[in-house]
C-alpha atoms as a PDB file:
ATOM      1  CA  MET A   1    -123.655  92.317 -54.749  1.00  0.00           C
ATOM      2  CA  ASP A   2    -123.718  88.988 -56.592  1.00  0.00           C
ATOM      3  CA  GLY A   3    -123.368  85.925 -54.393  1.00  0.00           C
ATOM      4  CA  THR A   4    -123.055  82.206 -54.844  1.00  0.00           C
ATOM      5  CA  GLY A   5    -126.623  81.270 -53.832  1.00  0.00           C
ATOM      6  CA  ARG A   6    -125.593  79.869 -50.455  1.00  0.00           C
ATOM      7  CA  PHE A   7    -128.475  79.800 -47.928  1.00  0.00           C
ATOM      8  CA  VAL A   8    -127.447  79.031 -44.331  1.00  0.00           C
ATOM      9  CA  VAL A   9    -129.816  78.840 -41.337  1.00  0.00           C
ATOM     10  CA  ASN A  10    -128.219  78.468 -37.882  1.00  0.00           C
ATOM     11  CA  GLU A  11    -124.955  77.288 -39.496  1.00  0.00           C
ATOM     12  CA  LYS A  12    -126.745  74.523 -41.449  1.00  0.00           C
ATOM     13  CA  GLU A  13    -127.798  74.452 -45.089  1.00  0.00           C
ATOM     14  CA  ALA A  14    -131.400  75.638 -45.451  1.00  0.00           C
ATOM     15  CA  GLY A  15    -132.525  72.329 -46.989  1.00  0.00           C
ATOM     16  CA  VAL A  16    -131.188  70.464 -43.949  1.00  0.00           C
ATOM     17  CA  TYR A  17    -132.676  72.905 -41.422  1.00  0.00           C
ATOM     18  CA  PHE A  18    -136.110  73.039 -43.112  1.00  0.00           C
ATOM     19  CA  PRO A  19    -136.650  69.451 -44.356  1.00  0.00           C
ATOM     20  CA  ARG A  20    -140.459  69.687 -44.504  1.00  0.00           C
ATOM     21  CA  LEU A  21    -141.939  69.769 -47.982  1.00  0.00           C
ATOM     22  CA  GLY A  22    -142.838  73.321 -48.988  1.00  0.00           C
ATOM     23  CA  ASP A  23    -141.052  75.211 -46.199  1.00  0.00           C
ATOM     24  CA  LEU A  24    -138.094  76.207 -48.357  1.00  0.00           C
ATOM     25  CA  ASN A  25    -140.398  77.071 -51.275  1.00  0.00           C
ATOM     26  CA  ASP A  26    -142.444  79.280 -48.947  1.00  0.00           C
ATOM     27  CA  ILE A  27    -139.300  81.165 -47.902  1.00  0.00           C
ATOM     28  CA  MET A  28    -138.170  81.586 -51.508  1.00  0.00           C
ATOM     29  CA  ARG A  29    -141.540  83.069 -52.519  1.00  0.00           C
ATOM     30  CA  ALA A  30    -140.092  86.497 -51.716  1.00  0.00           C
ATOM     31  CA  PHE A  31    -137.586  86.182 -54.562  1.00  0.00           C
ATOM     32  CA  SER A  32    -140.174  85.049 -57.109  1.00  0.00           C
ATOM     33  CA  ALA A  33    -142.498  87.906 -56.046  1.00  0.00           C
ATOM     34  CA  VAL A  34    -139.875  90.479 -57.060  1.00  0.00           C
ATOM     35  CA  GLY A  35    -138.617  88.543 -60.087  1.00  0.00           C
ATOM     36  CA  GLN A  36    -135.155  87.870 -58.682  1.00  0.00           C
ATOM     37  CA  ASP A  37    -133.113  84.688 -58.713  1.00  0.00           C
ATOM     38  CA  ALA A  38    -132.197  83.477 -55.219  1.00  0.00           C
ATOM     39  CA  LYS A  39    -128.900  82.169 -56.610  1.00  0.00           C
ATOM     40  CA  LYS A  40    -127.681  85.782 -56.874  1.00  0.00           C
ATOM     41  CA  TYR A  41    -127.648  86.239 -53.095  1.00  0.00           C
ATOM     42  CA  ASP A  42    -125.844  84.669 -50.144  1.00  0.00           C
ATOM     43  CA  ILE A  43    -128.245  84.411 -47.189  1.00  0.00           C
ATOM     44  CA  THR A  44    -127.230  83.750 -43.594  1.00  0.00           C
ATOM     45  CA  VAL A  45    -129.967  83.545 -40.951  1.00  0.00           C
ATOM     46  CA  LYS A  46    -130.034  82.896 -37.208  1.00  0.00           C
ATOM     47  CA  VAL A  47    -133.451  81.921 -35.894  1.00  0.00           C
ATOM     48  CA  GLN A  48    -134.521  80.620 -32.484  1.00  0.00           C
ATOM     49  CA  GLY A  49    -137.694  79.952 -30.528  1.00  0.00           C
ATOM     50  CA  GLY A  50    -141.158  79.008 -31.700  1.00  0.00           C
ATOM     51  CA  GLY A  51    -141.954  75.995 -33.836  1.00  0.00           C
ATOM     52  CA  VAL A  52    -140.995  74.938 -37.342  1.00  0.00           C
ATOM     53  CA  THR A  53    -143.782  76.929 -39.020  1.00  0.00           C
ATOM     54  CA  GLY A  54    -143.071  80.023 -36.925  1.00  0.00           C
ATOM     55  CA  GLN A  55    -139.393  79.888 -37.789  1.00  0.00           C
ATOM     56  CA  THR A  56    -140.218  79.406 -41.475  1.00  0.00           C
ATOM     57  CA  GLU A  57    -142.444  82.481 -41.449  1.00  0.00           C
ATOM     58  CA  ALA A  58    -139.847  84.476 -39.491  1.00  0.00           C
ATOM     59  CA  VAL A  59    -137.128  83.678 -42.031  1.00  0.00           C
ATOM     60  CA  ARG A  60    -139.515  84.536 -44.881  1.00  0.00           C
ATOM     61  CA  LEU A  61    -140.267  87.929 -43.285  1.00  0.00           C
ATOM     62  CA  GLY A  62    -136.563  88.608 -42.730  1.00  0.00           C
ATOM     63  CA  VAL A  63    -135.690  87.767 -46.335  1.00  0.00           C
ATOM     64  CA  SER A  64    -138.520  90.012 -47.554  1.00  0.00           C
ATOM     65  CA  ARG A  65    -137.359  92.914 -45.392  1.00  0.00           C
ATOM     66  CA  ALA A  66    -133.792  92.443 -46.627  1.00  0.00           C
ATOM     67  CA  LEU A  67    -135.008  92.615 -50.235  1.00  0.00           C
ATOM     68  CA  VAL A  68    -136.779  95.899 -49.437  1.00  0.00           C
ATOM     69  CA  LEU A  69    -133.482  97.277 -48.082  1.00  0.00           C
ATOM     70  CA  ILE A  70    -131.785  96.279 -51.337  1.00  0.00           C
ATOM     71  CA  ASN A  71    -134.453  97.906 -53.508  1.00  0.00           C
ATOM     72  CA  GLY A  72    -137.331  99.934 -52.056  1.00  0.00           C
ATOM     73  CA  ASP A  73    -139.334  99.614 -55.275  1.00  0.00           C
ATOM     74  CA  TRP A  74    -140.052  95.965 -54.430  1.00  0.00           C
ATOM     75  CA  THR A  75    -142.143  96.925 -51.380  1.00  0.00           C
ATOM     76  CA  SER A  76    -145.475  96.954 -53.223  1.00  0.00           C
ATOM     77  CA  ALA A  77    -144.884  93.571 -54.894  1.00  0.00           C
ATOM     78  CA  LEU A  78    -143.918  91.966 -51.587  1.00  0.00           C
ATOM     79  CA  ARG A  79    -146.840  93.560 -49.744  1.00  0.00           C
ATOM     80  CA  LYS A  80    -149.330  92.343 -52.384  1.00  0.00           C
ATOM     81  CA  ASN A  81    -148.161  88.781 -51.742  1.00  0.00           C
ATOM     82  CA  GLY A  82    -148.456  89.256 -47.954  1.00  0.00           C
ATOM     83  CA  LEU A  83    -144.728  88.831 -47.389  1.00  0.00           C
ATOM     84  CA  LEU A  84    -144.175  91.999 -45.343  1.00  0.00           C
ATOM     85  CA  THR A  85    -146.913  91.339 -42.768  1.00  0.00           C
ATOM     86  CA  ARG A  86    -145.893  89.979 -39.371  1.00  0.00           C
ATOM     87  CA  ASP A  87    -148.152  87.413 -37.718  1.00  0.00           C
ATOM     88  CA  ALA A  88    -148.991  89.240 -34.485  1.00  0.00           C
ATOM     89  CA  ARG A  89    -150.535  86.296 -32.624  1.00  0.00           C
ATOM     90  CA  VAL A  90    -148.903  85.553 -29.271  1.00  0.00           C
ATOM     91  CA  LYS A  91    -149.638  83.051 -26.524  1.00  0.00           C
ATOM     92  CA  GLU A  92    -152.406  84.190 -24.178  1.00  0.00           C
ATOM     93  CA  ARG A  93    -151.372  84.658 -20.549  1.00  0.00           C
ATOM     94  CA  LYS A  94    -152.501  82.354 -17.754  1.00  0.00           C
ATOM     95  CA  LYS A  95    -155.160  83.865 -15.490  1.00  0.00           C
ATOM     96  CA  PRO A  96    -155.345  83.363 -11.711  1.00  0.00           C
ATOM     97  CA  GLY A  97    -157.715  80.566 -10.668  1.00  0.00           C
ATOM     98  CA  LEU A  98    -157.425  78.822 -14.043  1.00  0.00           C
ATOM     99  CA  LYS A  99    -155.148  75.938 -14.994  1.00  0.00           C
ATOM    100  CA  LYS A 100    -154.182  77.518 -18.324  1.00  0.00           C
ATOM    101  CA  ALA A 101    -155.269  80.660 -20.174  1.00  0.00           C
ATOM    102  CA  ARG A 102    -158.897  79.497 -20.485  1.00  0.00           C
ATOM    103  CA  LYS A 103    -159.027  76.009 -18.975  1.00  0.00           C
ATOM    104  CA  ALA A 104    -160.900  76.039 -15.680  1.00  0.00           C
ATOM    105  CA  PRO A 105    -160.616  73.378 -12.999  1.00  0.00           C
ATOM    106  CA  THR A 106    -163.332  70.733 -13.028  1.00  0.00           C
ATOM    107  CA  TYR A 107    -166.566  72.023 -11.503  1.00  0.00           C
ATOM    108  CA  THR A 108    -167.953  69.980  -8.617  1.00  0.00           C
ATOM    109  CA  LYS A 109    -171.432  70.631  -7.252  1.00  0.00           C
ATOM    110  CA  ARG A 110    -170.630  69.528  -3.698  1.00  0.00           C
END
């Protein structure tokens, strides 16, 4: 099960794909929560859609779920750190008569 510590996201190194400060640390929080060294695992991820933050959180959730598959005893530690909770917010649909979900056309009195 030991790997070389290689972390690839969409066929790029994770540091190249997530250049923003703190994004990679946020993803690696799952390993520190269970007391594991990320260098022991090879991680390959394909992520698409959303923005940078959404993709960061999606990769973090996927890594956390993979750790639970490796060892089910880590579930409570990951859940305490909020790493197994999916962000359920989605874009609100556009309603008829409105320009966007809540933006109404300009009101004119006459």
